[in-house]
């Protein structure tokens, strides 16, 4: 596939949903699996590397977000969370 054909196919994928952009790993997975038969070995290798890179970025972002979660608070019943925050509830 040449650059123009690749861009056309990527725009078709993005048209499915706006989240399927250049930062979403699913965009490249869909593109690769839909067009594997039209790609050469170097293009497939590049896509595999792009998918791995985006997966790693997602993993790191997830790990970082998990660092900010208070597990003790997250596992408490909702009624205890409400009381700790000062919300009055009627009995």
PDB file of N, CA and C in Angstrom:
ATOM      1  N   UNK A   1       0.846  -1.185   0.000  1.00  0.00           N
ATOM      2  CA  UNK A   1       0.000   0.000   0.000  1.00  0.00           C
ATOM      3  C   UNK A   1       0.881   1.235   0.000  1.00  0.00           C
ATOM      4  N   UNK A   2       0.447   2.241  -0.721  1.00  0.00           N
ATOM      5  CA  UNK A   2       1.202   3.490  -0.687  1.00  0.00           C
ATOM      6  C   UNK A   2       0.613   4.403   0.391  1.00  0.00           C
ATOM      7  N   UNK A   3       1.261   5.531   0.612  1.00  0.00           N
ATOM      8  CA  UNK A   3       0.884   6.458   1.686  1.00  0.00           C
ATOM      9  C   UNK A   3      -0.548   6.978   1.531  1.00  0.00           C
ATOM     10  N   UNK A   4      -0.953   7.250   0.318  1.00  0.00           N
ATOM     11  CA  UNK A   4      -2.302   7.767   0.076  1.00  0.00           C
ATOM     12  C   UNK A   4      -3.352   6.721   0.456  1.00  0.00           C
ATOM     13  N   UNK A   5      -3.141   5.482   0.034  1.00  0.00           N
ATOM     14  CA  UNK A   5      -4.076   4.412   0.368  1.00  0.00           C
ATOM     15  C   UNK A   5      -4.153   4.185   1.881  1.00  0.00           C
ATOM     16  N   UNK A   6      -3.017   4.264   2.541  1.00  0.00           N
ATOM     17  CA  UNK A   6      -2.973   4.085   3.995  1.00  0.00           C
ATOM     18  C   UNK A   6      -3.782   5.183   4.680  1.00  0.00           C
ATOM     19  N   UNK A   7      -3.573   6.430   4.257  1.00  0.00           N
ATOM     20  CA  UNK A   7      -4.324   7.550   4.847  1.00  0.00           C
ATOM     21  C   UNK A   7      -5.824   7.420   4.611  1.00  0.00           C
ATOM     22  N   UNK A   8      -6.202   6.963   3.444  1.00  0.00           N
ATOM     23  CA  UNK A   8      -7.628   6.771   3.149  1.00  0.00           C
ATOM     24  C   UNK A   8      -8.217   5.724   4.086  1.00  0.00           C
ATOM     25  N   UNK A   9      -7.505   4.614   4.259  1.00  0.00           N
ATOM     26  CA  UNK A   9      -7.993   3.549   5.138  1.00  0.00           C
ATOM     27  C   UNK A   9      -8.064   4.005   6.591  1.00  0.00           C
ATOM     28  N   UNK A  10      -7.078   4.781   7.031  1.00  0.00           N
ATOM     29  CA  UNK A  10      -7.096   5.294   8.405  1.00  0.00           C
ATOM     30  C   UNK A  10      -8.253   6.265   8.616  1.00  0.00           C
ATOM     31  N   UNK A  11      -8.560   7.064   7.608  1.00  0.00           N
ATOM     32  CA  UNK A  11      -9.708   7.979   7.710  1.00  0.00           C
ATOM     33  C   UNK A  11     -11.022   7.208   7.772  1.00  0.00           C
ATOM     34  N   UNK A  12     -11.116   6.104   7.059  1.00  0.00           N
ATOM     35  CA  UNK A  12     -12.318   5.265   7.125  1.00  0.00           C
ATOM     36  C   UNK A  12     -12.494   4.704   8.537  1.00  0.00           C
ATOM     37  N   UNK A  13     -11.397   4.276   9.136  1.00  0.00           N
ATOM     38  CA  UNK A  13     -11.456   3.740  10.504  1.00  0.00           C
ATOM     39  C   UNK A  13     -11.863   4.836  11.471  1.00  0.00           C
ATOM     40  N   UNK A  14     -11.284   6.020  11.327  1.00  0.00           N
ATOM     41  CA  UNK A  14     -11.631   7.136  12.202  1.00  0.00           C
ATOM     42  C   UNK A  14     -13.093   7.534  12.040  1.00  0.00           C
ATOM     43  N   UNK A  15     -13.639   7.346  10.852  1.00  0.00           N
ATOM     44  CA  UNK A  15     -15.043   7.683  10.609  1.00  0.00           C
ATOM     45  C   UNK A  15     -15.988   6.752  11.371  1.00  0.00           C
ATOM     46  N   UNK A  16     -15.505   5.565  11.748  1.00  0.00           N
ATOM     47  CA  UNK A  16     -16.328   4.645  12.532  1.00  0.00           C
ATOM     48  C   UNK A  16     -16.624   5.220  13.911  1.00  0.00           C
ATOM     49  N   UNK A  17     -15.601   5.838  14.507  1.00  0.00           N
ATOM     50  CA  UNK A  17     -15.757   6.476  15.821  1.00  0.00           C
ATOM     51  C   UNK A  17     -14.601   7.435  16.023  1.00  0.00           C
ATOM     52  N   UNK A  18     -14.884   8.592  16.591  1.00  0.00           N
ATOM     53  CA  UNK A  18     -13.850   9.620  16.745  1.00  0.00           C
ATOM     54  C   UNK A  18     -12.712   9.192  17.667  1.00  0.00           C
ATOM     55  N   UNK A  19     -12.950   8.207  18.527  1.00  0.00           N
ATOM     56  CA  UNK A  19     -11.874   7.747  19.418  1.00  0.00           C
ATOM     57  C   UNK A  19     -10.828   6.926  18.677  1.00  0.00           C
ATOM     58  N   UNK A  20     -11.151   6.470  17.485  1.00  0.00           N
ATOM     59  CA  UNK A  20     -10.204   5.672  16.704  1.00  0.00           C
ATOM     60  C   UNK A  20      -9.261   6.600  15.943  1.00  0.00           C
ATOM     61  N   UNK A  21      -8.363   7.223  16.709  1.00  0.00           N
ATOM     62  CA  UNK A  21      -7.405   8.159  16.130  1.00  0.00           C
ATOM     63  C   UNK A  21      -5.991   7.597  16.225  1.00  0.00           C
ATOM     64  N   UNK A  22      -5.004   8.432  15.964  1.00  0.00           N
ATOM     65  CA  UNK A  22      -3.611   7.973  15.926  1.00  0.00           C
ATOM     66  C   UNK A  22      -3.056   7.612  17.293  1.00  0.00           C
ATOM     67  N   UNK A  23      -3.788   7.917  18.367  1.00  0.00           N
ATOM     68  CA  UNK A  23      -3.336   7.573  19.712  1.00  0.00           C
ATOM     69  C   UNK A  23      -4.012   6.330  20.265  1.00  0.00           C
ATOM     70  N   UNK A  24      -4.931   5.762  19.507  1.00  0.00           N
ATOM     71  CA  UNK A  24      -5.677   4.598  19.963  1.00  0.00           C
ATOM     72  C   UNK A  24      -5.120   3.339  19.306  1.00  0.00           C
ATOM     73  N   UNK A  25      -4.675   2.411  20.137  1.00  0.00           N
ATOM     74  CA  UNK A  25      -4.081   1.177  19.623  1.00  0.00           C
ATOM     75  C   UNK A  25      -5.064   0.398  18.742  1.00  0.00           C
ATOM     76  N   UNK A  26      -6.350   0.486  19.043  1.00  0.00           N
ATOM     77  CA  UNK A  26      -7.342  -0.248  18.250  1.00  0.00           C
ATOM     78  C   UNK A  26      -7.381   0.224  16.794  1.00  0.00           C
ATOM     79  N   UNK A  27      -7.060   1.472  16.564  1.00  0.00           N
ATOM     80  CA  UNK A  27      -7.018   1.986  15.198  1.00  0.00           C
ATOM     81  C   UNK A  27      -6.032   1.173  14.362  1.00  0.00           C
ATOM     82  N   UNK A  28      -4.858   0.944  14.926  1.00  0.00           N
ATOM     83  CA  UNK A  28      -3.810   0.223  14.191  1.00  0.00           C
ATOM     84  C   UNK A  28      -4.096  -1.269  14.107  1.00  0.00           C
ATOM     85  N   UNK A  29      -4.735  -1.817  15.127  1.00  0.00           N
ATOM     86  CA  UNK A  29      -5.100  -3.232  15.082  1.00  0.00           C
ATOM     87  C   UNK A  29      -6.143  -3.456  13.992  1.00  0.00           C
ATOM     88  N   UNK A  30      -7.150  -2.597  13.948  1.00  0.00           N
ATOM     89  CA  UNK A  30      -8.178  -2.700  12.905  1.00  0.00           C
ATOM     90  C   UNK A  30      -7.552  -2.541  11.528  1.00  0.00           C
ATOM     91  N   UNK A  31      -6.698  -1.535  11.398  1.00  0.00           N
ATOM     92  CA  UNK A  31      -6.046  -1.297  10.103  1.00  0.00           C
ATOM     93  C   UNK A  31      -5.216  -2.508   9.676  1.00  0.00           C
ATOM     94  N   UNK A  32      -4.407  -3.031  10.599  1.00  0.00           N
ATOM     95  CA  UNK A  32      -3.535  -4.164  10.280  1.00  0.00           C
ATOM     96  C   UNK A  32      -4.346  -5.384   9.865  1.00  0.00           C
ATOM     97  N   UNK A  33      -5.343  -5.715  10.655  1.00  0.00           N
ATOM     98  CA  UNK A  33      -6.109  -6.926  10.359  1.00  0.00           C
ATOM     99  C   UNK A  33      -6.987  -6.776   9.119  1.00  0.00           C
ATOM    100  N   UNK A  34      -7.417  -5.576   8.829  1.00  0.00           N
ATOM    101  CA  UNK A  34      -8.246  -5.349   7.637  1.00  0.00           C
ATOM    102  C   UNK A  34      -7.422  -5.297   6.357  1.00  0.00           C
ATOM    103  N   UNK A  35      -6.150  -4.941   6.481  1.00  0.00           N
ATOM    104  CA  UNK A  35      -5.341  -4.707   5.278  1.00  0.00           C
ATOM    105  C   UNK A  35      -4.059  -5.535   5.215  1.00  0.00           C
ATOM    106  N   UNK A  36      -3.932  -6.521   6.072  1.00  0.00           N
ATOM    107  CA  UNK A  36      -2.701  -7.316   6.122  1.00  0.00           C
ATOM    108  C   UNK A  36      -2.311  -7.841   4.741  1.00  0.00           C
ATOM    109  N   UNK A  37      -3.270  -8.294   3.990  1.00  0.00           N
ATOM    110  CA  UNK A  37      -3.001  -8.868   2.664  1.00  0.00           C
ATOM    111  C   UNK A  37      -2.471  -7.836   1.662  1.00  0.00           C
ATOM    112  N   UNK A  38      -2.639  -6.560   1.951  1.00  0.00           N
ATOM    113  CA  UNK A  38      -2.196  -5.504   1.041  1.00  0.00           C
ATOM    114  C   UNK A  38      -0.893  -4.848   1.486  1.00  0.00           C
ATOM    115  N   UNK A  39      -0.383  -5.245   2.660  1.00  0.00           N
ATOM    116  CA  UNK A  39       0.811  -4.618   3.224  1.00  0.00           C
ATOM    117  C   UNK A  39       2.052  -5.458   2.969  1.00  0.00           C
ATOM    118  N   UNK A  40       3.193  -4.770   2.877  1.00  0.00           N
ATOM    119  CA  UNK A  40       4.432  -5.518   2.745  1.00  0.00           C
ATOM    120  C   UNK A  40       4.987  -5.822   4.143  1.00  0.00           C
ATOM    121  N   UNK A  41       6.054  -6.592   4.203  1.00  0.00           N
ATOM    122  CA  UNK A  41       6.606  -7.030   5.488  1.00  0.00           C
ATOM    123  C   UNK A  41       7.072  -5.866   6.359  1.00  0.00           C
ATOM    124  N   UNK A  42       7.674  -4.851   5.750  1.00  0.00           N
ATOM    125  CA  UNK A  42       8.136  -3.693   6.521  1.00  0.00           C
ATOM    126  C   UNK A  42       6.970  -2.914   7.118  1.00  0.00           C
ATOM    127  N   UNK A  43       5.892  -2.778   6.371  1.00  0.00           N
ATOM    128  CA  UNK A  43       4.719  -2.076   6.879  1.00  0.00           C
ATOM    129  C   UNK A  43       4.079  -2.849   8.038  1.00  0.00           C
ATOM    130  N   UNK A  44       4.015  -4.163   7.903  1.00  0.00           N
ATOM    131  CA  UNK A  44       3.465  -4.998   8.973  1.00  0.00           C
ATOM    132  C   UNK A  44       4.341  -4.890  10.222  1.00  0.00           C
ATOM    133  N   UNK A  45       5.650  -4.926  10.044  1.00  0.00           N
ATOM    134  CA  UNK A  45       6.566  -4.802  11.185  1.00  0.00           C
ATOM    135  C   UNK A  45       6.412  -3.440  11.856  1.00  0.00           C
ATOM    136  N   UNK A  46       6.262  -2.380  11.057  1.00  0.00           N
ATOM    137  CA  UNK A  46       6.082  -1.045  11.624  1.00  0.00           C
ATOM    138  C   UNK A  46       4.797  -0.987  12.442  1.00  0.00           C
ATOM    139  N   UNK A  47       3.727  -1.552  11.894  1.00  0.00           N
ATOM    140  CA  UNK A  47       2.449  -1.564  12.613  1.00  0.00           C
ATOM    141  C   UNK A  47       2.532  -2.380  13.902  1.00  0.00           C
ATOM    142  N   UNK A  48       3.201  -3.525  13.839  1.00  0.00           N
ATOM    143  CA  UNK A  48       3.385  -4.329  15.055  1.00  0.00           C
ATOM    144  C   UNK A  48       4.125  -3.530  16.125  1.00  0.00           C
ATOM    145  N   UNK A  49       5.163  -2.804  15.717  1.00  0.00           N
ATOM    146  CA  UNK A  49       5.917  -1.980  16.668  1.00  0.00           C
ATOM    147  C   UNK A  49       5.064  -0.828  17.206  1.00  0.00           C
ATOM    148  N   UNK A  50       4.262  -0.221  16.352  1.00  0.00           N
ATOM    149  CA  UNK A  50       3.380   0.869  16.780  1.00  0.00           C
ATOM    150  C   UNK A  50       2.362   0.358  17.798  1.00  0.00           C
ATOM    151  N   UNK A  51       1.799  -0.805  17.535  1.00  0.00           N
ATOM    152  CA  UNK A  51       0.834  -1.416  18.452  1.00  0.00           C
ATOM    153  C   UNK A  51       1.495  -1.713  19.796  1.00  0.00           C
ATOM    154  N   UNK A  52       2.705  -2.283  19.767  1.00  0.00           N
ATOM    155  CA  UNK A  52       3.437  -2.561  21.011  1.00  0.00           C
ATOM    156  C   UNK A  52       3.729  -1.282  21.775  1.00  0.00           C
ATOM    157  N   UNK A  53       4.141  -0.238  21.057  1.00  0.00           N
ATOM    158  CA  UNK A  53       4.452   1.048  21.702  1.00  0.00           C
ATOM    159  C   UNK A  53       3.220   1.651  22.365  1.00  0.00           C
ATOM    160  N   UNK A  54       2.104   1.657  21.669  1.00  0.00           N
ATOM    161  CA  UNK A  54       0.872   2.216  22.234  1.00  0.00           C
ATOM    162  C   UNK A  54       0.360   1.376  23.403  1.00  0.00           C
ATOM    163  N   UNK A  55       0.510   0.054  23.310  1.00  0.00           N
ATOM    164  CA  UNK A  55       0.127  -0.802  24.437  1.00  0.00           C
ATOM    165  C   UNK A  55       0.966  -0.480  25.662  1.00  0.00           C
ATOM    166  N   UNK A  56       2.249  -0.263  25.478  1.00  0.00           N
ATOM    167  CA  UNK A  56       3.140   0.066  26.597  1.00  0.00           C
ATOM    168  C   UNK A  56       2.767   1.421  27.198  1.00  0.00           C
ATOM    169  N   UNK A  57       2.485   2.405  26.361  1.00  0.00           N
ATOM    170  CA  UNK A  57       2.070   3.716  26.864  1.00  0.00           C
ATOM    171  C   UNK A  57       0.776   3.612  27.659  1.00  0.00           C
ATOM    172  N   UNK A  58      -0.162   2.810  27.175  1.00  0.00           N
ATOM    173  CA  UNK A  58      -1.420   2.607  27.879  1.00  0.00           C
ATOM    174  C   UNK A  58      -1.187   1.921  29.220  1.00  0.00           C
ATOM    175  N   UNK A  59      -0.311   0.906  29.219  1.00  0.00           N
ATOM    176  CA  UNK A  59       0.003   0.196  30.457  1.00  0.00           C
ATOM    177  C   UNK A  59       0.615   1.131  31.483  1.00  0.00           C
ATOM    178  N   UNK A  60       1.547   1.962  31.062  1.00  0.00           N
ATOM    179  CA  UNK A  60       2.198   2.901  31.978  1.00  0.00           C
ATOM    180  C   UNK A  60       1.205   3.935  32.510  1.00  0.00           C
ATOM    181  N   UNK A  61       0.326   4.423  31.656  1.00  0.00           N
ATOM    182  CA  UNK A  61      -0.683   5.383  32.093  1.00  0.00           C
ATOM    183  C   UNK A  61      -1.636   4.746  33.097  1.00  0.00           C
ATOM    184  N   UNK A  62      -2.001   3.496  32.860  1.00  0.00           N
ATOM    185  CA  UNK A  62      -2.879   2.783  33.784  1.00  0.00           C
ATOM    186  C   UNK A  62      -2.200   2.589  35.135  1.00  0.00           C
ATOM    187  N   UNK A  63      -0.932   2.168  35.106  1.00  0.00           N
ATOM    188  CA  UNK A  63      -0.191   1.989  36.358  1.00  0.00           C
ATOM    189  C   UNK A  63      -0.108   3.296  37.135  1.00  0.00           C
ATOM    190  N   UNK A  64       0.157   4.376  36.433  1.00  0.00           N
ATOM    191  CA  UNK A  64       0.258   5.679  37.092  1.00  0.00           C
ATOM    192  C   UNK A  64      -1.081   6.080  37.713  1.00  0.00           C
ATOM    193  N   UNK A  65      -2.172   5.835  36.994  1.00  0.00           N
ATOM    194  CA  UNK A  65      -3.487   6.182  37.540  1.00  0.00           C
ATOM    195  C   UNK A  65      -3.840   5.314  38.738  1.00  0.00           C
ATOM    196  N   UNK A  66      -3.381   4.089  38.760  1.00  0.00           N
ATOM    197  CA  UNK A  66      -3.666   3.201  39.883  1.00  0.00           C
ATOM    198  C   UNK A  66      -2.919   3.636  41.145  1.00  0.00           C
ATOM    199  N   UNK A  67      -1.815   4.340  40.991  1.00  0.00           N
ATOM    200  CA  UNK A  67      -1.061   4.822  42.139  1.00  0.00           C
ATOM    201  C   UNK A  67      -1.868   5.823  42.960  1.00  0.00           C
ATOM    202  N   UNK A  68      -2.821   6.493  42.341  1.00  0.00           N
ATOM    203  CA  UNK A  68      -3.600   7.537  43.003  1.00  0.00           C
ATOM    204  C   UNK A  68      -4.881   7.021  43.654  1.00  0.00           C
ATOM    205  N   UNK A  69      -5.118   5.720  43.586  1.00  0.00           N
ATOM    206  CA  UNK A  69      -6.348   5.172  44.146  1.00  0.00           C
ATOM    207  C   UNK A  69      -6.120   4.769  45.602  1.00  0.00           C
ATOM    208  N   UNK A  70      -7.013   5.215  46.459  1.00  0.00           N
ATOM    209  CA  UNK A  70      -6.999   4.830  47.864  1.00  0.00           C
ATOM    210  C   UNK A  70      -7.791   3.529  47.970  1.00  0.00           C
ATOM    211  N   UNK A  71      -7.079   2.399  48.024  1.00  0.00           N
ATOM    212  CA  UNK A  71      -7.730   1.093  48.003  1.00  0.00           C
ATOM    213  C   UNK A  71      -8.654   0.925  49.206  1.00  0.00           C
ATOM    214  N   UNK A  72      -8.214   1.372  50.370  1.00  0.00           N
ATOM    215  CA  UNK A  72      -9.042   1.243  51.568  1.00  0.00           C
ATOM    216  C   UNK A  72     -10.367   1.992  51.396  1.00  0.00           C
ATOM    217  N   UNK A  73     -10.286   3.212  50.904  1.00  0.00           N
ATOM    218  CA  UNK A  73     -11.494   3.995  50.682  1.00  0.00           C
ATOM    219  C   UNK A  73     -12.357   3.387  49.577  1.00  0.00           C
ATOM    220  N   UNK A  74     -11.730   2.905  48.525  1.00  0.00           N
ATOM    221  CA  UNK A  74     -12.466   2.345  47.391  1.00  0.00           C
ATOM    222  C   UNK A  74     -13.247   1.096  47.776  1.00  0.00           C
ATOM    223  N   UNK A  75     -12.773   0.352  48.767  1.00  0.00           N
ATOM    224  CA  UNK A  75     -13.444  -0.896  49.143  1.00  0.00           C
ATOM    225  C   UNK A  75     -14.486  -0.716  50.236  1.00  0.00           C
ATOM    226  N   UNK A  76     -14.585   0.473  50.802  1.00  0.00           N
ATOM    227  CA  UNK A  76     -15.593   0.721  51.841  1.00  0.00           C
ATOM    228  C   UNK A  76     -16.987   0.812  51.229  1.00  0.00           C
ATOM    229  N   UNK A  77     -18.007   0.457  52.016  1.00  0.00           N
ATOM    230  CA  UNK A  77     -19.381   0.625  51.522  1.00  0.00           C
ATOM    231  C   UNK A  77     -19.681   2.106  51.271  1.00  0.00           C
ATOM    232  N   UNK A  78     -20.592   2.354  50.378  1.00  0.00           N
ATOM    233  CA  UNK A  78     -20.918   3.727  49.988  1.00  0.00           C
ATOM    234  C   UNK A  78     -21.412   4.543  51.180  1.00  0.00           C
ATOM    235  N   UNK A  79     -22.113   3.900  52.107  1.00  0.00           N
ATOM    236  CA  UNK A  79     -22.627   4.642  53.263  1.00  0.00           C
ATOM    237  C   UNK A  79     -21.490   5.192  54.118  1.00  0.00           C
ATOM    238  N   UNK A  80     -20.420   4.430  54.260  1.00  0.00           N
ATOM    239  CA  UNK A  80     -19.270   4.918  55.032  1.00  0.00           C
ATOM    240  C   UNK A  80     -18.570   6.058  54.297  1.00  0.00           C
ATOM    241  N   UNK A  81     -18.498   5.967  53.017  1.00  0.00           N
ATOM    242  CA  UNK A  81     -17.870   7.035  52.244  1.00  0.00           C
ATOM    243  C   UNK A  81     -18.660   8.329  52.398  1.00  0.00           C
ATOM    244  N   UNK A  82     -19.968   8.215  52.392  1.00  0.00           N
ATOM    245  CA  UNK A  82     -20.807   9.395  52.517  1.00  0.00           C
ATOM    246  C   UNK A  82     -20.647  10.020  53.897  1.00  0.00           C
ATOM    247  N   UNK A  83     -20.591   9.211  54.934  1.00  0.00           N
ATOM    248  CA  UNK A  83     -20.442   9.729  56.289  1.00  0.00           C
ATOM    249  C   UNK A  83     -19.101  10.408  56.462  1.00  0.00           C
ATOM    250  N   UNK A  84     -18.048   9.845  55.908  1.00  0.00           N
ATOM    251  CA  UNK A  84     -16.715  10.435  56.029  1.00  0.00           C
ATOM    252  C   UNK A  84     -16.629  11.769  55.329  1.00  0.00           C
ATOM    253  N   UNK A  85     -17.417  11.943  54.291  1.00  0.00           N
ATOM    254  CA  UNK A  85     -17.368  13.203  53.548  1.00  0.00           C
ATOM    255  C   UNK A  85     -18.277  14.256  54.170  1.00  0.00           C
ATOM    256  N   UNK A  86     -18.993  13.897  55.233  1.00  0.00           N
ATOM    257  CA  UNK A  86     -19.829  14.876  55.891  1.00  0.00           C
ATOM    258  C   UNK A  86     -21.216  14.994  55.317  1.00  0.00           C
ATOM    259  N   UNK A  87     -21.616  14.068  54.506  1.00  0.00           N
ATOM    260  CA  UNK A  87     -22.964  14.093  53.945  1.00  0.00           C
ATOM    261  C   UNK A  87     -23.915  13.494  54.970  1.00  0.00           C
ATOM    262  N   UNK A  88     -24.954  14.214  55.304  1.00  0.00           N
ATOM    263  CA  UNK A  88     -25.925  13.728  56.274  1.00  0.00           C
ATOM    264  C   UNK A  88     -26.904  12.798  55.597  1.00  0.00           C
ATOM    265  N   UNK A  89     -27.250  11.758  56.291  1.00  0.00           N
ATOM    266  CA  UNK A  89     -28.273  10.871  55.745  1.00  0.00           C
ATOM    267  C   UNK A  89     -29.333  10.666  56.817  1.00  0.00           C
ATOM    268  N   UNK A  90     -30.546  10.569  56.355  1.00  0.00           N
ATOM    269  CA  UNK A  90     -31.657  10.377  57.280  1.00  0.00           C
ATOM    270  C   UNK A  90     -31.821   8.908  57.580  1.00  0.00           C
ATOM    271  N   UNK A  91     -32.182   8.629  58.842  1.00  0.00           N
ATOM    272  CA  UNK A  91     -32.375   7.233  59.243  1.00  0.00           C
ATOM    273  C   UNK A  91     -33.840   6.945  59.395  1.00  0.00           C
TER     274      UNK A  91
END
